[in-house]
Amino acid sequence: MNKYYDNNQLIDITLLYIEDDSERRLFYTRLLKGVCAKVYVSANVEDGLTQSAKLAPEIILTDIRMQDRQGVSMLQRLRELESDVPVVILSICEDVACFQKAIELDVSAYLLHPSSVEELKNTFCKIMKKCRPENEQEPVVLTDTLVYQENIKSLIDKGEQVSLNKKEARLLEYLLKYQNTLLSYSDIKKHIWPGDTEVSSASLRTLIKNLRKKGLSSLIQNISGRGYLLNLPADK
């Protein structure tokens, strides 16, 4: 069975639904809870942005017209905070301008209200298949005995699977993207906790410590007063 979806439910997906219309919000929340394993709901733009920063959802479902057209500005702010999160529009808006703006903001799908359970489920599954191709991702070799399997968010250490939580996986993937490059404390915190300006240095140290305990102690280096880097051999 695929880790992210089966025939009945998106089993390991966190979905954030942002909608200010109370009737539509109630209607679709009931449908979504039969589709996704973890559904969080926001009734306004500001709460939606806060929830997005805290939850790091796999998919965001929202309207493009909210609170006097704030839906567009919200999407722009979401793209600044979470440039790669798939966003699905669910709206009564059929204007060409709405579709064009959705394209500009790299929206993954545009659904018109009313949408059925099957339409929602099929849309989400297609997105997850595209974003997380279960069988197409090669493991990232870290050492002779340690690899990272991105599609299951796990390290494989001497054949044993070591699961990572969301923030651990997000940190490792960020370090891998810029391997052998020093990343400042502030840049790392902005990436792991987007939108949270109050995150402490202690939180970052704890996250690094936990990741090191899972087999990366010799690979993650701290340059005192400057930042961290993932030090991989050139032939890895």
Protein backbone atom coordinates (compact mmCIF):
# COMPACT_ATOMS: atom_id res chain seq x y z
CA MET A 1 0.00 0.00 0.00
CA ASN A 2 1.24 3.48 -0.81
CA LYS A 3 2.28 5.42 2.29
CA TYR A 4 0.27 8.51 1.38
CA TYR A 5 -2.98 7.19 -0.03
CA ASP A 6 -5.09 4.08 -0.55
CA ASN A 7 -8.50 3.55 -2.14
CA ASN A 8 -10.37 5.09 0.75
CA GLN A 9 -8.29 7.74 2.46
CA LEU A 10 -5.19 9.87 2.29
CA ILE A 11 -3.69 8.08 5.24
CA ASP A 12 -0.69 10.21 6.14
CA ILE A 13 -1.70 13.66 4.93
CA THR A 14 -2.15 16.84 6.95
CA LEU A 15 -4.62 19.10 5.17
CA LEU A 16 -5.37 22.70 6.12
CA TYR A 17 -8.76 24.04 5.00
CA ILE A 18 -9.18 27.83 5.02
CA GLU A 19 -12.68 29.18 4.37
CA ASP A 20 -14.51 32.19 5.82
CA ASP A 21 -18.00 31.21 4.66
CA SER A 22 -19.46 29.31 7.63
CA GLU A 23 -21.92 27.18 5.67
CA ARG A 24 -19.34 26.03 3.10
CA ARG A 25 -16.77 25.53 5.82
CA LEU A 26 -19.06 23.21 7.79
CA PHE A 27 -20.15 21.31 4.66
CA TYR A 28 -16.65 20.63 3.34
CA THR A 29 -15.11 19.96 6.74
CA ARG A 30 -17.44 16.97 7.07
CA LEU A 31 -16.46 15.73 3.62
CA LEU A 32 -12.74 16.25 4.15
CA LYS A 33 -12.69 14.24 7.37
CA GLY A 34 -13.76 11.26 5.29
CA VAL A 35 -10.91 11.84 2.85
CA CYS A 36 -7.85 12.96 4.81
CA ALA A 37 -6.43 11.54 8.01
CA LYS A 38 -5.68 14.91 9.60
CA VAL A 39 -7.84 17.93 8.79
CA TYR A 40 -7.32 21.36 10.34
CA VAL A 41 -9.72 24.22 9.71
CA SER A 42 -9.27 28.00 9.74
CA ALA A 43 -12.12 30.50 9.47
CA ASN A 44 -10.07 33.51 8.39
CA VAL A 45 -6.92 34.57 6.58
CA GLU A 46 -4.73 35.40 9.58
CA ASP A 47 -5.50 32.17 11.42
CA GLY A 48 -4.91 30.26 8.20
CA LEU A 49 -1.44 31.75 7.81
CA THR A 50 -0.62 31.01 11.45
CA GLN A 51 -1.85 27.42 11.16
CA SER A 52 0.12 26.90 7.97
CA ALA A 53 3.35 28.00 9.64
CA LYS A 54 2.77 25.70 12.63
CA LEU A 55 1.46 22.62 10.83
CA ALA A 56 3.48 22.58 7.58
CA PRO A 57 0.54 20.81 5.84
CA GLU A 58 1.00 18.63 2.78
CA ILE A 59 -1.98 20.32 1.07
CA ILE A 60 -3.85 23.59 1.62
CA LEU A 61 -7.47 23.90 0.43
CA THR A 62 -8.87 27.43 0.28
CA ASP A 63 -10.99 29.93 -1.61
CA ILE A 64 -9.50 32.61 -3.83
CA ARG A 65 -12.16 35.13 -2.76
CA MET A 66 -12.27 35.70 0.99
CA GLN A 67 -12.92 38.73 3.15
CA ASP A 68 -13.12 41.36 0.43
CA ARG A 69 -10.73 39.60 -1.96
CA GLN A 70 -8.09 38.86 0.68
CA GLY A 71 -7.84 35.33 -0.68
CA VAL A 72 -5.37 36.46 -3.35
CA SER A 73 -3.17 38.34 -0.88
CA MET A 74 -3.28 35.31 1.43
CA LEU A 75 -2.05 33.06 -1.36
CA GLN A 76 0.74 35.52 -2.10
CA ARG A 77 1.78 35.45 1.56
CA LEU A 78 1.55 31.66 1.65
CA ARG A 79 3.86 31.47 -1.32
CA GLU A 80 6.35 33.69 0.49
CA LEU A 81 6.26 31.39 3.56
CA GLU A 82 5.74 27.98 1.93
CA SER A 83 6.76 28.21 -1.69
CA ASP A 84 6.39 24.49 -2.37
CA VAL A 85 3.17 23.54 -0.56
CA PRO A 86 0.43 22.39 -3.00
CA VAL A 87 -2.60 24.70 -2.87
CA VAL A 88 -6.04 23.67 -4.15
CA ILE A 89 -8.64 26.36 -4.81
CA LEU A 90 -12.27 25.51 -4.03
CA SER A 91 -14.44 28.44 -5.05
CA ILE A 92 -17.68 29.64 -6.58
CA CYS A 93 -15.62 32.11 -8.63
CA GLU A 94 -15.61 31.32 -12.37
CA ASP A 95 -14.06 34.59 -13.55
CA VAL A 96 -11.19 34.32 -16.00
CA ALA A 97 -9.25 36.71 -13.77
CA CYS A 98 -9.51 34.24 -10.87
CA PHE A 99 -8.14 31.40 -12.99
CA GLN A 100 -5.30 33.59 -14.27
CA LYS A 101 -4.35 34.66 -10.74
CA ALA A 102 -4.41 31.03 -9.61
CA ILE A 103 -2.00 30.11 -12.41
CA GLU A 104 0.32 32.98 -11.48
CA LEU A 105 0.41 31.73 -7.88
CA ASP A 106 1.23 28.16 -8.98
CA VAL A 107 -2.00 26.63 -7.67
CA SER A 108 -2.09 22.84 -8.08
CA ALA A 109 -5.82 22.55 -8.87
CA TYR A 110 -8.92 24.74 -9.21
CA LEU A 111 -12.24 23.17 -8.18
CA LEU A 112 -15.66 24.77 -8.43
CA HIS A 113 -18.23 24.60 -5.64
CA PRO A 114 -20.01 22.26 -5.18
CA SER A 115 -17.38 19.49 -5.32
CA SER A 116 -17.97 15.87 -4.33
CA VAL A 117 -15.96 13.60 -2.04
CA GLU A 118 -14.69 11.70 -5.06
CA GLU A 119 -13.57 14.86 -6.83
CA LEU A 120 -11.71 16.06 -3.75
CA LYS A 121 -10.10 12.68 -3.12
CA ASN A 122 -9.03 12.21 -6.73
CA THR A 123 -7.55 15.71 -6.85
CA PHE A 124 -5.56 15.23 -3.65
CA CYS A 125 -4.31 11.79 -4.71
CA LYS A 126 -3.09 13.12 -8.05
CA ILE A 127 -1.23 15.90 -6.27
CA MET A 128 0.42 13.52 -3.82
CA LYS A 129 1.39 11.10 -6.58
CA LYS A 130 3.06 13.96 -8.39
CA CYS A 131 4.73 15.43 -5.30
CA ARG A 132 5.68 12.15 -3.66
CA PRO A 133 6.25 9.52 -6.39
CA GLU A 134 6.59 6.40 -4.23
CA ASN A 135 8.65 4.38 -6.64
CA GLU A 136 10.67 7.01 -8.49
CA GLN A 137 12.84 8.57 -5.80
CA GLU A 138 16.30 7.19 -5.34
CA PRO A 139 17.66 7.11 -1.79
CA VAL A 140 20.24 9.75 -0.90
CA VAL A 141 23.48 8.08 0.16
CA LEU A 142 24.93 9.74 3.27
CA THR A 143 27.56 7.17 4.30
CA ASP A 144 28.42 3.60 3.40
CA THR A 145 25.75 2.37 5.82
CA LEU A 146 23.28 5.28 5.97
CA VAL A 147 20.82 6.56 3.36
CA TYR A 148 17.86 8.92 3.39
CA GLN A 149 14.60 7.84 1.70
CA GLU A 150 12.67 11.05 1.08
CA ASN A 151 9.37 9.48 0.02
CA ILE A 152 8.95 7.79 3.41
CA LYS A 153 10.77 10.50 5.41
CA SER A 154 13.11 7.95 6.93
CA LEU A 155 16.77 7.14 7.33
CA ILE A 156 17.88 3.61 6.55
CA ASP A 157 20.75 2.77 8.91
CA LYS A 158 22.40 -0.61 8.21
CA GLY A 159 19.11 -1.84 6.79
CA GLU A 160 17.01 -0.60 9.72
CA GLN A 161 14.40 2.12 9.15
CA VAL A 162 14.66 5.21 11.38
CA SER A 163 11.61 7.45 10.96
CA LEU A 164 11.90 11.24 11.10
CA ASN A 165 9.22 13.64 12.22
CA LYS A 166 8.22 16.53 9.95
CA LYS A 167 10.66 19.08 11.29
CA GLU A 168 13.55 16.59 11.34
CA ALA A 169 12.87 15.63 7.72
CA ARG A 170 12.48 19.28 6.73
CA LEU A 171 15.80 20.14 8.36
CA LEU A 172 17.65 17.21 6.79
CA GLU A 173 16.30 18.01 3.32
CA TYR A 174 17.33 21.65 3.75
CA LEU A 175 20.84 20.63 4.79
CA LEU A 176 21.01 18.16 1.89
CA LYS A 177 19.95 20.85 -0.58
CA TYR A 178 22.92 22.94 0.53
CA GLN A 179 25.27 20.13 1.57
CA ASN A 180 28.81 21.16 2.49
CA THR A 181 27.59 24.76 2.68
CA LEU A 182 27.35 26.72 5.92
CA LEU A 183 23.77 27.74 6.71
CA SER A 184 23.21 30.46 9.29
CA TYR A 185 21.11 29.86 12.39
CA SER A 186 18.59 32.48 11.26
CA ASP A 187 18.19 31.00 7.77
CA ILE A 188 17.60 27.53 9.20
CA LYS A 189 15.02 28.81 11.69
CA LYS A 190 13.18 30.71 8.96
CA HIS A 191 13.03 27.55 6.86
CA ILE A 192 11.92 25.18 9.63
CA TRP A 193 9.54 27.57 11.38
CA PRO A 194 8.33 29.91 8.59
CA GLY A 195 6.44 32.91 9.88
CA ASP A 196 7.47 32.33 13.51
CA THR A 197 9.78 35.17 14.52
CA GLU A 198 9.84 34.10 18.18
CA VAL A 199 11.43 30.65 17.76
CA SER A 200 14.34 30.24 20.16
CA SER A 201 17.88 29.12 19.52
CA ALA A 202 17.25 26.37 22.07
CA SER A 203 14.51 24.94 19.84
CA LEU A 204 16.94 24.75 16.93
CA ARG A 205 19.63 23.13 19.10
CA THR A 206 17.14 20.53 20.32
CA LEU A 207 16.08 19.74 16.77
CA ILE A 208 19.71 19.36 15.66
CA LYS A 209 20.45 17.17 18.70
CA ASN A 210 17.51 14.86 17.94
CA LEU A 211 18.53 14.53 14.29
CA ARG A 212 22.13 13.76 15.24
CA LYS A 213 20.90 10.96 17.53
CA LYS A 214 19.34 9.26 14.51
CA GLY A 215 22.68 8.56 12.83
CA LEU A 216 23.89 11.98 11.70
CA SER A 217 26.14 12.91 14.62
CA SER A 218 29.31 12.80 12.52
CA LEU A 219 27.77 14.59 9.53
CA ILE A 220 26.11 17.70 11.00
CA GLN A 221 28.74 20.23 12.02
CA ASN A 222 28.26 23.36 14.09
CA ILE A 223 30.44 26.35 13.27
CA SER A 224 30.28 28.23 16.56
CA GLY A 225 28.49 31.55 16.34
CA ARG A 226 27.70 31.10 12.64
CA GLY A 227 25.55 28.09 11.79
CA TYR A 228 25.41 24.44 10.72
CA LEU A 229 26.42 22.44 7.68
CA LEU A 230 25.97 18.87 6.48
CA ASN A 231 29.46 17.64 5.73
CA LEU A 232 29.27 14.83 3.17
CA PRO A 233 32.23 13.20 1.41
CA ALA A 234 32.61 14.44 -2.14
CA ASP A 235 31.95 10.98 -3.60
CA LYS A 236 28.57 10.56 -1.80
